[in-house]
Amino acid sequence: MLAVIGIGPGNIEYMTAEAKDAIEKSDLIVGYGKYIELVRPNFPQKNFFETGMMKERERCIYALEKAKTMNVALISSGDSCVYGMASLAIELAKDFPSVEIKIIAGVTAALSGGAILGSPLTADFAVISLSDHLMPKEKIIRRLKASSLGDFCVVLYNPRSELRPNALREACETLLEDRPKDTVCGYVRNIGRNDSEYKFCTLEELKDAELDMFCSAFIGNSSTVITEHGGRKYMVTPRGYEAREN
């Protein structure tokens, strides 16, 4: 059997009980090297197979081949259905009719990062990756524009890389065409890991933030505010519930 598993953003406490159980029952764990590094310390007795970036197809085929005779865990960070391996594994499974596939949900960065910032995604929201490796840049820009027209809160994945040094700035400039400069924003680096950090800012300030592939950026909608409780600030998008009794 092949279990396609979302391991969450980092430390094992962010992993669901179902994901832990499936990994514990597996004979082999297959994944991108960085994600293998996250799970190896908690499952040192397991066998591992890892590949680098751009080797997703190779990874899936290896996992499916091995799953003919053993229990295999194919892991993705966050949730395997959100920019993860689930869709590719299902597409390739047509050549492996005897392999049973189970998709196991994980905690994607939009949710775990949102919890760190407060409650930025209480209303409708969009998750948009700025990576143009698999998606044309023009389509990314159209989706950013559409998010503003719909007044969606937005989470940006893959905000910048060495090959895309201006991706975040260009995305913010697109959003600033329709959103105020003081739109409430925030970002989280290394979600769920020991060196995690976060910061609140405006959309104008986010444009120049030094983010990388280990960061997720959150852009509020027209109702999003920064509030404070117990000496700590929170990014909050009201749902519309009445906060006080009449």
C-alpha atoms as a PDB file:
ATOM      1  CA  MET A   1       0.000   0.000   0.000  1.00  0.00           C
ATOM      2  CA  LEU A   2       1.085   3.568  -0.665  1.00  0.00           C
ATOM      3  CA  ALA A   3       0.186   6.176   1.951  1.00  0.00           C
ATOM      4  CA  VAL A   4       0.634   9.704   0.601  1.00  0.00           C
ATOM      5  CA  ILE A   5       1.180  11.738   3.732  1.00  0.00           C
ATOM      6  CA  GLY A   6       1.292  15.395   4.658  1.00  0.00           C
ATOM      7  CA  ILE A   7       3.739  15.672   7.560  1.00  0.00           C
ATOM      8  CA  GLY A   8       2.860  19.234   8.541  1.00  0.00           C
ATOM      9  CA  PRO A   9       5.308  22.143   8.563  1.00  0.00           C
ATOM     10  CA  GLY A  10       8.078  20.873  10.805  1.00  0.00           C
ATOM     11  CA  ASN A  11       8.268  19.411  14.279  1.00  0.00           C
ATOM     12  CA  ILE A  12       6.388  16.223  15.042  1.00  0.00           C
ATOM     13  CA  GLU A  13       3.782  17.948  17.231  1.00  0.00           C
ATOM     14  CA  TYR A  14       2.361  19.482  14.030  1.00  0.00           C
ATOM     15  CA  MET A  15       1.873  16.030  12.497  1.00  0.00           C
ATOM     16  CA  THR A  16      -1.605  14.507  12.725  1.00  0.00           C
ATOM     17  CA  ALA A  17      -2.144  11.286  14.650  1.00  0.00           C
ATOM     18  CA  GLU A  18      -3.214   9.567  11.419  1.00  0.00           C
ATOM     19  CA  ALA A  19       0.002  10.628   9.686  1.00  0.00           C
ATOM     20  CA  LYS A  20       2.150   9.392  12.597  1.00  0.00           C
ATOM     21  CA  ASP A  21       0.339   6.065  12.621  1.00  0.00           C
ATOM     22  CA  ALA A  22       0.771   5.576   8.878  1.00  0.00           C
ATOM     23  CA  ILE A  23       4.492   6.360   9.031  1.00  0.00           C
ATOM     24  CA  GLU A  24       4.953   3.997  11.976  1.00  0.00           C
ATOM     25  CA  LYS A  25       3.264   1.212   9.973  1.00  0.00           C
ATOM     26  CA  SER A  26       5.341   1.851   6.862  1.00  0.00           C
ATOM     27  CA  ASP A  27       8.346  -0.208   5.792  1.00  0.00           C
ATOM     28  CA  LEU A  28       9.839   2.597   3.702  1.00  0.00           C
ATOM     29  CA  ILE A  29       9.628   6.403   3.759  1.00  0.00           C
ATOM     30  CA  VAL A  30      10.104   8.202   0.434  1.00  0.00           C
ATOM     31  CA  GLY A  31      10.488  11.956   0.101  1.00  0.00           C
ATOM     32  CA  TYR A  32      12.429  15.062  -0.823  1.00  0.00           C
ATOM     33  CA  GLY A  33      15.663  15.236   1.153  1.00  0.00           C
ATOM     34  CA  LYS A  34      14.679  18.277   3.243  1.00  0.00           C
ATOM     35  CA  TYR A  35      11.462  16.568   4.339  1.00  0.00           C
ATOM     36  CA  ILE A  36      13.269  13.322   5.123  1.00  0.00           C
ATOM     37  CA  GLU A  37      15.489  15.352   7.459  1.00  0.00           C
ATOM     38  CA  LEU A  38      12.374  16.460   9.361  1.00  0.00           C
ATOM     39  CA  VAL A  39      11.018  12.964  10.008  1.00  0.00           C
ATOM     40  CA  ARG A  40      14.187  10.878  10.304  1.00  0.00           C
ATOM     41  CA  PRO A  41      14.943  11.830  13.956  1.00  0.00           C
ATOM     42  CA  ASN A  42      11.489  10.633  15.046  1.00  0.00           C
ATOM     43  CA  PHE A  43      11.548   7.406  13.022  1.00  0.00           C
ATOM     44  CA  PRO A  44      15.243   6.414  13.034  1.00  0.00           C
ATOM     45  CA  GLN A  45      14.496   2.710  12.612  1.00  0.00           C
ATOM     46  CA  LYS A  46      12.825   3.191   9.232  1.00  0.00           C
ATOM     47  CA  ASN A  47      14.289   2.758   5.766  1.00  0.00           C
ATOM     48  CA  PHE A  48      14.422   5.933   3.673  1.00  0.00           C
ATOM     49  CA  PHE A  49      14.682   6.881   0.010  1.00  0.00           C
ATOM     50  CA  GLU A  50      15.222  10.521  -0.892  1.00  0.00           C
ATOM     51  CA  THR A  51      15.702  12.600  -4.003  1.00  0.00           C
ATOM     52  CA  GLY A  52      16.441  16.233  -4.662  1.00  0.00           C
ATOM     53  CA  MET A  53      14.349  19.008  -6.148  1.00  0.00           C
ATOM     54  CA  MET A  54      12.840  18.451  -9.602  1.00  0.00           C
ATOM     55  CA  LYS A  55      12.745  14.666  -9.065  1.00  0.00           C
ATOM     56  CA  GLU A  56       9.071  14.387  -8.093  1.00  0.00           C
ATOM     57  CA  ARG A  57       8.152  11.915 -10.841  1.00  0.00           C
ATOM     58  CA  GLU A  58      11.097   9.681 -10.018  1.00  0.00           C
ATOM     59  CA  ARG A  59      10.107   9.762  -6.353  1.00  0.00           C
ATOM     60  CA  CYS A  60       6.498   8.787  -7.043  1.00  0.00           C
ATOM     61  CA  ILE A  61       7.362   5.953  -9.420  1.00  0.00           C
ATOM     62  CA  TYR A  62       9.866   4.517  -6.942  1.00  0.00           C
ATOM     63  CA  ALA A  63       7.277   4.688  -4.146  1.00  0.00           C
ATOM     64  CA  LEU A  64       4.584   3.050  -6.304  1.00  0.00           C
ATOM     65  CA  GLU A  65       6.942   0.287  -7.431  1.00  0.00           C
ATOM     66  CA  LYS A  66       7.946  -0.518  -3.850  1.00  0.00           C
ATOM     67  CA  ALA A  67       4.319  -0.334  -2.712  1.00  0.00           C
ATOM     68  CA  LYS A  68       3.578  -3.489  -4.722  1.00  0.00           C
ATOM     69  CA  THR A  69       5.192  -5.555  -1.966  1.00  0.00           C
ATOM     70  CA  MET A  70       5.433  -3.316   1.114  1.00  0.00           C
ATOM     71  CA  ASN A  71       3.836  -0.422   2.971  1.00  0.00           C
ATOM     72  CA  VAL A  72       5.326   2.825   1.697  1.00  0.00           C
ATOM     73  CA  ALA A  73       4.938   6.351   3.052  1.00  0.00           C
ATOM     74  CA  LEU A  74       5.366   9.054   0.402  1.00  0.00           C
ATOM     75  CA  ILE A  75       5.739  12.284   2.343  1.00  0.00           C
ATOM     76  CA  SER A  76       5.205  15.967   1.561  1.00  0.00           C
ATOM     77  CA  SER A  77       5.560  18.915   3.889  1.00  0.00           C
ATOM     78  CA  GLY A  78       2.314  20.522   4.991  1.00  0.00           C
ATOM     79  CA  ASP A  79      -0.544  18.734   3.218  1.00  0.00           C
ATOM     80  CA  SER A  80       0.168  16.386   0.316  1.00  0.00           C
ATOM     81  CA  CYS A  81      -2.825  17.801  -1.603  1.00  0.00           C
ATOM     82  CA  VAL A  82      -1.578  21.413  -1.347  1.00  0.00           C
ATOM     83  CA  TYR A  83       1.397  21.724  -3.720  1.00  0.00           C
ATOM     84  CA  GLY A  84       2.334  18.198  -2.636  1.00  0.00           C
ATOM     85  CA  MET A  85       2.705  14.731  -4.121  1.00  0.00           C
ATOM     86  CA  ALA A  86      -0.871  13.449  -3.923  1.00  0.00           C
ATOM     87  CA  SER A  87      -2.023  14.477  -7.403  1.00  0.00           C
ATOM     88  CA  LEU A  88       1.091  13.153  -9.154  1.00  0.00           C
ATOM     89  CA  ALA A  89       0.933   9.855  -7.248  1.00  0.00           C
ATOM     90  CA  ILE A  90      -2.695   9.364  -8.269  1.00  0.00           C
ATOM     91  CA  GLU A  91      -1.954  10.246 -11.912  1.00  0.00           C
ATOM     92  CA  LEU A  92       0.952   7.781 -12.089  1.00  0.00           C
ATOM     93  CA  ALA A  93      -0.932   5.034 -10.246  1.00  0.00           C
ATOM     94  CA  LYS A  94      -2.710   3.995 -13.481  1.00  0.00           C
ATOM     95  CA  ASP A  95       0.415   1.977 -14.294  1.00  0.00           C
ATOM     96  CA  PHE A  96       0.309   0.277 -10.889  1.00  0.00           C
ATOM     97  CA  PRO A  97      -3.235  -1.161 -10.693  1.00  0.00           C
ATOM     98  CA  SER A  98      -2.444  -3.505  -7.814  1.00  0.00           C
ATOM     99  CA  VAL A  99      -1.279  -0.700  -5.481  1.00  0.00           C
ATOM    100  CA  GLU A 100      -3.795   0.650  -2.980  1.00  0.00           C
ATOM    101  CA  ILE A 101      -3.424   4.383  -2.345  1.00  0.00           C
ATOM    102  CA  LYS A 102      -4.469   6.268   0.763  1.00  0.00           C
ATOM    103  CA  ILE A 103      -4.217  10.060   0.984  1.00  0.00           C
ATOM    104  CA  ILE A 104      -3.579  11.313   4.515  1.00  0.00           C
ATOM    105  CA  ALA A 105      -4.180  14.983   5.271  1.00  0.00           C
ATOM    106  CA  GLY A 106      -1.614  17.236   6.875  1.00  0.00           C
ATOM    107  CA  VAL A 107      -1.464  20.771   8.254  1.00  0.00           C
ATOM    108  CA  THR A 108      -0.530  23.165   5.472  1.00  0.00           C
ATOM    109  CA  ALA A 109       1.445  26.344   6.185  1.00  0.00           C
ATOM    110  CA  ALA A 110      -1.589  28.568   5.652  1.00  0.00           C
ATOM    111  CA  LEU A 111      -3.157  27.014   8.746  1.00  0.00           C
ATOM    112  CA  SER A 112      -0.117  26.523  10.976  1.00  0.00           C
ATOM    113  CA  GLY A 113       1.315  29.927  10.058  1.00  0.00           C
ATOM    114  CA  GLY A 114      -2.072  31.559  10.455  1.00  0.00           C
ATOM    115  CA  ALA A 115      -2.295  30.217  14.001  1.00  0.00           C
ATOM    116  CA  ILE A 116       1.050  31.810  14.827  1.00  0.00           C
ATOM    117  CA  LEU A 117      -0.099  35.199  13.547  1.00  0.00           C
ATOM    118  CA  GLY A 118      -3.532  34.969  15.175  1.00  0.00           C
ATOM    119  CA  SER A 119      -6.584  34.389  12.996  1.00  0.00           C
ATOM    120  CA  PRO A 120      -5.933  35.975   9.592  1.00  0.00           C
ATOM    121  CA  LEU A 121      -7.950  33.471   7.536  1.00  0.00           C
ATOM    122  CA  THR A 122     -11.281  33.452   9.365  1.00  0.00           C
ATOM    123  CA  ALA A 123     -13.033  34.681   6.205  1.00  0.00           C
ATOM    124  CA  ASP A 124     -12.667  33.506   2.591  1.00  0.00           C
ATOM    125  CA  PHE A 125      -9.057  33.228   1.479  1.00  0.00           C
ATOM    126  CA  ALA A 126      -6.805  32.157  -1.399  1.00  0.00           C
ATOM    127  CA  VAL A 127      -3.484  30.329  -1.318  1.00  0.00           C
ATOM    128  CA  ILE A 128      -1.193  31.293  -4.202  1.00  0.00           C
ATOM    129  CA  SER A 129       2.293  29.985  -4.924  1.00  0.00           C
ATOM    130  CA  LEU A 130       4.655  32.500  -6.505  1.00  0.00           C
ATOM    131  CA  SER A 131       6.768  29.742  -8.036  1.00  0.00           C
ATOM    132  CA  ASP A 132       6.576  29.861 -11.826  1.00  0.00           C
ATOM    133  CA  HIS A 133       8.323  26.514 -12.266  1.00  0.00           C
ATOM    134  CA  LEU A 134       5.036  24.724 -13.044  1.00  0.00           C
ATOM    135  CA  MET A 135       2.702  27.699 -13.455  1.00  0.00           C
ATOM    136  CA  PRO A 136       3.099  30.503 -16.040  1.00  0.00           C
ATOM    137  CA  LYS A 137       3.922  33.816 -14.413  1.00  0.00           C
ATOM    138  CA  GLU A 138       1.079  35.496 -16.297  1.00  0.00           C
ATOM    139  CA  LYS A 139      -1.451  33.165 -14.681  1.00  0.00           C
ATOM    140  CA  ILE A 140      -0.017  33.862 -11.220  1.00  0.00           C
ATOM    141  CA  ILE A 141      -0.462  37.589 -11.821  1.00  0.00           C
ATOM    142  CA  ARG A 142      -4.068  37.071 -12.964  1.00  0.00           C
ATOM    143  CA  ARG A 143      -4.829  35.112  -9.825  1.00  0.00           C
ATOM    144  CA  LEU A 144      -3.308  37.804  -7.643  1.00  0.00           C
ATOM    145  CA  LYS A 145      -5.442  40.397  -9.410  1.00  0.00           C
ATOM    146  CA  ALA A 146      -8.549  38.259  -8.952  1.00  0.00           C
ATOM    147  CA  SER A 147      -7.852  37.890  -5.237  1.00  0.00           C
ATOM    148  CA  SER A 148      -7.929  41.670  -4.857  1.00  0.00           C
ATOM    149  CA  LEU A 149     -11.123  42.050  -6.863  1.00  0.00           C
ATOM    150  CA  GLY A 150     -12.763  39.497  -4.567  1.00  0.00           C
ATOM    151  CA  ASP A 151     -11.268  41.057  -1.400  1.00  0.00           C
ATOM    152  CA  PHE A 152      -9.806  37.699  -0.400  1.00  0.00           C
ATOM    153  CA  CYS A 153      -7.232  37.243   2.301  1.00  0.00           C
ATOM    154  CA  VAL A 154      -4.196  35.728   0.590  1.00  0.00           C
ATOM    155  CA  VAL A 155      -1.393  33.412   1.643  1.00  0.00           C
ATOM    156  CA  LEU A 156       1.700  33.479  -0.561  1.00  0.00           C
ATOM    157  CA  TYR A 157       3.803  30.319  -0.741  1.00  0.00           C
ATOM    158  CA  ASN A 158       7.321  30.249  -2.243  1.00  0.00           C
ATOM    159  CA  PRO A 159       7.713  34.038  -2.039  1.00  0.00           C
ATOM    160  CA  ARG A 160      11.292  34.210  -3.276  1.00  0.00           C
ATOM    161  CA  SER A 161      14.134  32.006  -4.478  1.00  0.00           C
ATOM    162  CA  GLU A 162      17.569  32.539  -6.027  1.00  0.00           C
ATOM    163  CA  LEU A 163      16.023  32.183  -9.477  1.00  0.00           C
ATOM    164  CA  ARG A 164      13.093  34.484  -8.581  1.00  0.00           C
ATOM    165  CA  PRO A 165      14.655  37.292  -6.498  1.00  0.00           C
ATOM    166  CA  ASN A 166      11.919  39.790  -7.379  1.00  0.00           C
ATOM    167  CA  ALA A 167       8.894  37.502  -7.132  1.00  0.00           C
ATOM    168  CA  LEU A 168       7.576  38.861  -3.833  1.00  0.00           C
ATOM    169  CA  ARG A 169       8.094  42.503  -4.834  1.00  0.00           C
ATOM    170  CA  GLU A 170       6.279  41.953  -8.137  1.00  0.00           C
ATOM    171  CA  ALA A 171       3.405  40.163  -6.395  1.00  0.00           C
ATOM    172  CA  CYS A 172       3.015  42.977  -3.866  1.00  0.00           C
ATOM    173  CA  GLU A 173       3.120  45.578  -6.622  1.00  0.00           C
ATOM    174  CA  THR A 174       0.321  43.710  -8.390  1.00  0.00           C
ATOM    175  CA  LEU A 175      -1.741  43.617  -5.207  1.00  0.00           C
ATOM    176  CA  LEU A 176      -1.044  47.297  -4.505  1.00  0.00           C
ATOM    177  CA  GLU A 177      -2.786  48.217  -7.741  1.00  0.00           C
ATOM    178  CA  ASP A 178      -6.087  47.408  -6.023  1.00  0.00           C
ATOM    179  CA  ARG A 179      -5.323  47.305  -2.298  1.00  0.00           C
ATOM    180  CA  PRO A 180      -4.318  50.090   0.108  1.00  0.00           C
ATOM    181  CA  LYS A 181      -0.655  50.438   1.082  1.00  0.00           C
ATOM    182  CA  ASP A 182      -1.573  49.976   4.760  1.00  0.00           C
ATOM    183  CA  THR A 183      -3.312  46.619   4.190  1.00  0.00           C
ATOM    184  CA  VAL A 184      -2.487  44.463   7.220  1.00  0.00           C
ATOM    185  CA  CYS A 185       0.040  41.720   6.465  1.00  0.00           C
ATOM    186  CA  GLY A 186       2.296  39.310   8.290  1.00  0.00           C
ATOM    187  CA  TYR A 187       4.754  36.556   7.578  1.00  0.00           C
ATOM    188  CA  VAL A 188       6.158  33.511   9.324  1.00  0.00           C
ATOM    189  CA  ARG A 189       9.544  31.892   8.778  1.00  0.00           C
ATOM    190  CA  ASN A 190      10.307  28.220   9.541  1.00  0.00           C
ATOM    191  CA  ILE A 191       6.795  27.385  10.708  1.00  0.00           C
ATOM    192  CA  GLY A 192       6.710  24.624  13.273  1.00  0.00           C
ATOM    193  CA  ARG A 193      10.465  24.526  13.781  1.00  0.00           C
ATOM    194  CA  ASN A 194      12.613  25.586  16.695  1.00  0.00           C
ATOM    195  CA  ASP A 195      13.829  28.777  15.014  1.00  0.00           C
ATOM    196  CA  SER A 196      10.381  29.914  13.874  1.00  0.00           C
ATOM    197  CA  GLU A 197       9.784  33.671  13.780  1.00  0.00           C
ATOM    198  CA  TYR A 198       7.005  36.002  12.675  1.00  0.00           C
ATOM    199  CA  LYS A 199       6.394  39.673  11.959  1.00  0.00           C
ATOM    200  CA  PHE A 200       3.482  41.980  11.172  1.00  0.00           C
ATOM    201  CA  CYS A 201       3.745  44.660   8.500  1.00  0.00           C
ATOM    202  CA  THR A 202       1.812  46.562   5.845  1.00  0.00           C
ATOM    203  CA  LEU A 203       1.508  45.514   2.213  1.00  0.00           C
ATOM    204  CA  GLU A 204       3.893  48.328   1.261  1.00  0.00           C
ATOM    205  CA  GLU A 205       6.449  47.024   3.788  1.00  0.00           C
ATOM    206  CA  LEU A 206       5.966  43.406   2.727  1.00  0.00           C
ATOM    207  CA  LYS A 207       7.150  44.344  -0.752  1.00  0.00           C
ATOM    208  CA  ASP A 208      10.700  44.806   0.575  1.00  0.00           C
ATOM    209  CA  ALA A 209      10.721  42.034   3.188  1.00  0.00           C
ATOM    210  CA  GLU A 210      13.628  39.589   3.001  1.00  0.00           C
ATOM    211  CA  LEU A 211      11.654  36.356   2.683  1.00  0.00           C
ATOM    212  CA  ASP A 212      12.718  32.995   1.289  1.00  0.00           C
ATOM    213  CA  MET A 213      11.274  29.572   0.451  1.00  0.00           C
ATOM    214  CA  PHE A 214      10.868  28.778   4.140  1.00  0.00           C
ATOM    215  CA  CYS A 215       8.483  31.712   4.637  1.00  0.00           C
ATOM    216  CA  SER A 216       4.757  32.161   4.108  1.00  0.00           C
ATOM    217  CA  ALA A 217       3.289  35.649   3.695  1.00  0.00           C
ATOM    218  CA  PHE A 218      -0.244  36.594   4.732  1.00  0.00           C
ATOM    219  CA  ILE A 219      -2.133  39.512   3.191  1.00  0.00           C
ATOM    220  CA  GLY A 220      -5.318  40.593   4.923  1.00  0.00           C
ATOM    221  CA  ASN A 221      -8.566  41.707   3.335  1.00  0.00           C
ATOM    222  CA  SER A 222     -10.233  45.090   3.833  1.00  0.00           C
ATOM    223  CA  SER A 223     -11.480  44.035   7.294  1.00  0.00           C
ATOM    224  CA  THR A 224      -8.248  42.575   8.677  1.00  0.00           C
ATOM    225  CA  VAL A 225      -6.815  44.335  11.726  1.00  0.00           C
ATOM    226  CA  ILE A 226      -4.007  44.056  14.249  1.00  0.00           C
ATOM    227  CA  THR A 227      -5.336  43.667  17.758  1.00  0.00           C
ATOM    228  CA  GLU A 228      -3.581  43.137  21.092  1.00  0.00           C
ATOM    229  CA  HIS A 229      -4.216  40.867  24.036  1.00  0.00           C
ATOM    230  CA  GLY A 230      -1.998  40.164  27.027  1.00  0.00           C
ATOM    231  CA  GLY A 231       0.800  42.246  25.589  1.00  0.00           C
ATOM    232  CA  ARG A 232       0.865  40.257  22.360  1.00  0.00           C
ATOM    233  CA  LYS A 233      -0.300  41.393  18.919  1.00  0.00           C
ATOM    234  CA  TYR A 234      -2.559  39.304  16.669  1.00  0.00           C
ATOM    235  CA  MET A 235      -3.557  39.565  13.026  1.00  0.00           C
ATOM    236  CA  VAL A 236      -7.320  39.041  12.883  1.00  0.00           C
ATOM    237  CA  THR A 237      -9.838  38.928  10.055  1.00  0.00           C
ATOM    238  CA  PRO A 238     -13.316  39.171  11.619  1.00  0.00           C
ATOM    239  CA  ARG A 239     -15.818  36.552  10.515  1.00  0.00           C
ATOM    240  CA  GLY A 240     -18.787  38.793  11.290  1.00  0.00           C
ATOM    241  CA  TYR A 241     -19.843  37.286  14.605  1.00  0.00           C
ATOM    242  CA  GLU A 242     -21.124  39.730  17.186  1.00  0.00           C
ATOM    243  CA  ALA A 243     -18.262  40.070  19.654  1.00  0.00           C
ATOM    244  CA  ARG A 244     -20.315  41.726  22.419  1.00  0.00           C
ATOM    245  CA  GLU A 245     -23.755  41.095  23.781  1.00  0.00           C
ATOM    246  CA  ASN A 246     -26.316  43.823  23.141  1.00  0.00           C
END
